[in-house]
Amino acid sequence: MVKRREPQATTNAKREPTPEQIEAFAAAADGGSPAKKPTPKADLDPNANRDYKAIRVPFNEYEFTKLEELATKTGRTKLNVIRWAILKLAEEVQ
């Protein structure tokens, strides 16, 4: 036979949140807590191991041909050309 479970009665089942709890919730929902200070970003090493993230990027034939041509002209690998182009564009945008 199945043993039926009954919920335990709690005395504070309908307890209302305090104004401090409401403010803390609202502050966290807005993007941060007033108690927490933003942590400064650590200096990132441009020569660190490449084990942080990996992206699979599908190319069409035209894009891949251009990538191969650029890799041949610059003497770089295709992946290095992509990384180089990202860094070059990031410098130009700043």
C-alpha atoms as a PDB file:
ATOM      1  CA  MET A   1       0.000   0.000   0.000  1.00  0.00           C
ATOM      2  CA  VAL A   2       1.198   3.518  -0.831  1.00  0.00           C
ATOM      3  CA  LYS A   3       2.029   5.682   2.126  1.00  0.00           C
ATOM      4  CA  ARG A   4       0.518   9.104   1.616  1.00  0.00           C
ATOM      5  CA  ARG A   5       2.588  12.085   2.628  1.00  0.00           C
ATOM      6  CA  GLU A   6       0.980  14.967   4.388  1.00  0.00           C
ATOM      7  CA  PRO A   7       2.583  18.423   4.325  1.00  0.00           C
ATOM      8  CA  GLN A   8       3.952  19.558   7.637  1.00  0.00           C
ATOM      9  CA  ALA A   9       2.059  22.451   9.112  1.00  0.00           C
ATOM     10  CA  THR A  10       4.151  25.583   9.374  1.00  0.00           C
ATOM     11  CA  THR A  11       3.269  28.427  11.671  1.00  0.00           C
ATOM     12  CA  ASN A  12       4.758  31.112   9.404  1.00  0.00           C
ATOM     13  CA  ALA A  13       3.153  29.949   6.165  1.00  0.00           C
ATOM     14  CA  LYS A  14       1.722  33.399   5.350  1.00  0.00           C
ATOM     15  CA  ARG A  15       4.589  35.525   6.622  1.00  0.00           C
ATOM     16  CA  GLU A  16       5.087  38.791   4.721  1.00  0.00           C
ATOM     17  CA  PRO A  17       8.583  39.928   3.671  1.00  0.00           C
ATOM     18  CA  THR A  18      10.127  42.831   5.539  1.00  0.00           C
ATOM     19  CA  PRO A  19      10.763  46.141   3.775  1.00  0.00           C
ATOM     20  CA  GLU A  20      14.506  45.433   3.934  1.00  0.00           C
ATOM     21  CA  GLN A  21      13.990  42.107   2.156  1.00  0.00           C
ATOM     22  CA  ILE A  22      11.887  43.825  -0.508  1.00  0.00           C
ATOM     23  CA  GLU A  23      14.580  46.465  -1.091  1.00  0.00           C
ATOM     24  CA  ALA A  24      17.325  43.830  -1.281  1.00  0.00           C
ATOM     25  CA  PHE A  25      15.289  41.852  -3.823  1.00  0.00           C
ATOM     26  CA  ALA A  26      14.575  44.950  -5.926  1.00  0.00           C
ATOM     27  CA  ALA A  27      18.213  46.026  -5.878  1.00  0.00           C
ATOM     28  CA  ALA A  28      19.359  42.573  -6.980  1.00  0.00           C
ATOM     29  CA  ALA A  29      16.756  42.535  -9.761  1.00  0.00           C
ATOM     30  CA  ASP A  30      17.994  45.914 -11.023  1.00  0.00           C
ATOM     31  CA  GLY A  31      21.445  44.530 -11.623  1.00  0.00           C
ATOM     32  CA  GLY A  32      23.263  44.619  -8.353  1.00  0.00           C
ATOM     33  CA  SER A  33      23.081  44.747  -4.662  1.00  0.00           C
ATOM     34  CA  PRO A  34      23.951  47.934  -2.813  1.00  0.00           C
ATOM     35  CA  ALA A  35      25.929  45.835  -0.337  1.00  0.00           C
ATOM     36  CA  LYS A  36      28.139  44.386  -3.062  1.00  0.00           C
ATOM     37  CA  LYS A  37      30.828  46.524  -4.618  1.00  0.00           C
ATOM     38  CA  PRO A  38      31.795  45.800  -8.220  1.00  0.00           C
ATOM     39  CA  THR A  39      34.917  43.689  -8.387  1.00  0.00           C
ATOM     40  CA  PRO A  40      37.635  44.989 -10.690  1.00  0.00           C
ATOM     41  CA  LYS A  41      38.360  42.798 -13.677  1.00  0.00           C
ATOM     42  CA  ALA A  42      41.603  40.906 -13.545  1.00  0.00           C
ATOM     43  CA  ASP A  43      44.218  41.667 -16.154  1.00  0.00           C
ATOM     44  CA  LEU A  44      43.834  39.075 -18.882  1.00  0.00           C
ATOM     45  CA  ASP A  45      46.888  37.471 -20.445  1.00  0.00           C
ATOM     46  CA  PRO A  46      46.809  37.639 -24.265  1.00  0.00           C
ATOM     47  CA  ASN A  47      49.202  34.682 -24.424  1.00  0.00           C
ATOM     48  CA  ALA A  48      47.241  32.396 -22.087  1.00  0.00           C
ATOM     49  CA  ASN A  49      46.275  28.835 -23.015  1.00  0.00           C
ATOM     50  CA  ARG A  50      43.311  28.609 -25.347  1.00  0.00           C
ATOM     51  CA  ASP A  51      41.102  26.420 -23.210  1.00  0.00           C
ATOM     52  CA  TYR A  52      38.515  28.962 -22.081  1.00  0.00           C
ATOM     53  CA  LYS A  53      35.864  28.737 -24.825  1.00  0.00           C
ATOM     54  CA  ALA A  54      35.484  27.121 -28.225  1.00  0.00           C
ATOM     55  CA  ILE A  55      33.202  28.253 -31.039  1.00  0.00           C
ATOM     56  CA  ARG A  56      32.117  26.286 -34.076  1.00  0.00           C
ATOM     57  CA  VAL A  57      31.659  28.746 -36.933  1.00  0.00           C
ATOM     58  CA  PRO A  58      30.090  27.534 -40.157  1.00  0.00           C
ATOM     59  CA  PHE A  59      31.339  29.316 -43.291  1.00  0.00           C
ATOM     60  CA  ASN A  60      29.957  29.447 -46.777  1.00  0.00           C
ATOM     61  CA  GLU A  61      32.266  28.729 -49.699  1.00  0.00           C
ATOM     62  CA  TYR A  62      32.968  32.399 -50.451  1.00  0.00           C
ATOM     63  CA  GLU A  63      33.928  33.218 -46.850  1.00  0.00           C
ATOM     64  CA  PHE A  64      36.131  30.152 -46.530  1.00  0.00           C
ATOM     65  CA  THR A  65      37.915  30.961 -49.797  1.00  0.00           C
ATOM     66  CA  LYS A  66      38.599  34.498 -48.573  1.00  0.00           C
ATOM     67  CA  LEU A  67      39.869  33.093 -45.272  1.00  0.00           C
ATOM     68  CA  GLU A  68      42.249  30.731 -47.081  1.00  0.00           C
ATOM     69  CA  GLU A  69      43.515  33.549 -49.331  1.00  0.00           C
ATOM     70  CA  LEU A  70      44.158  35.824 -46.375  1.00  0.00           C
ATOM     71  CA  ALA A  71      45.896  33.050 -44.455  1.00  0.00           C
ATOM     72  CA  THR A  72      48.170  32.371 -47.423  1.00  0.00           C
ATOM     73  CA  LYS A  73      48.968  36.063 -47.976  1.00  0.00           C
ATOM     74  CA  THR A  74      49.783  36.725 -44.311  1.00  0.00           C
ATOM     75  CA  GLY A  75      51.555  33.431 -43.633  1.00  0.00           C
ATOM     76  CA  ARG A  76      49.205  32.579 -40.803  1.00  0.00           C
ATOM     77  CA  THR A  77      46.960  29.639 -40.082  1.00  0.00           C
ATOM     78  CA  LYS A  78      43.241  30.080 -40.658  1.00  0.00           C
ATOM     79  CA  LEU A  79      42.532  30.118 -36.920  1.00  0.00           C
ATOM     80  CA  ASN A  80      45.300  32.635 -36.335  1.00  0.00           C
ATOM     81  CA  VAL A  81      43.871  34.873 -39.066  1.00  0.00           C
ATOM     82  CA  ILE A  82      40.493  34.830 -37.319  1.00  0.00           C
ATOM     83  CA  ARG A  83      42.075  35.673 -33.955  1.00  0.00           C
ATOM     84  CA  TRP A  84      44.239  38.380 -35.536  1.00  0.00           C
ATOM     85  CA  ALA A  85      41.218  39.919 -37.288  1.00  0.00           C
ATOM     86  CA  ILE A  86      39.242  40.005 -34.045  1.00  0.00           C
ATOM     87  CA  LEU A  87      42.046  41.787 -32.199  1.00  0.00           C
ATOM     88  CA  LYS A  88      42.652  44.193 -35.095  1.00  0.00           C
ATOM     89  CA  LEU A  89      38.973  45.144 -35.287  1.00  0.00           C
ATOM     90  CA  ALA A  90      38.781  45.545 -31.499  1.00  0.00           C
ATOM     91  CA  GLU A  91      41.679  48.047 -31.665  1.00  0.00           C
ATOM     92  CA  GLU A  92      39.992  50.022 -34.439  1.00  0.00           C
ATOM     93  CA  VAL A  93      36.654  50.222 -32.643  1.00  0.00           C
ATOM     94  CA  GLN A  94      38.152  51.575 -29.417  1.00  0.00           C
END
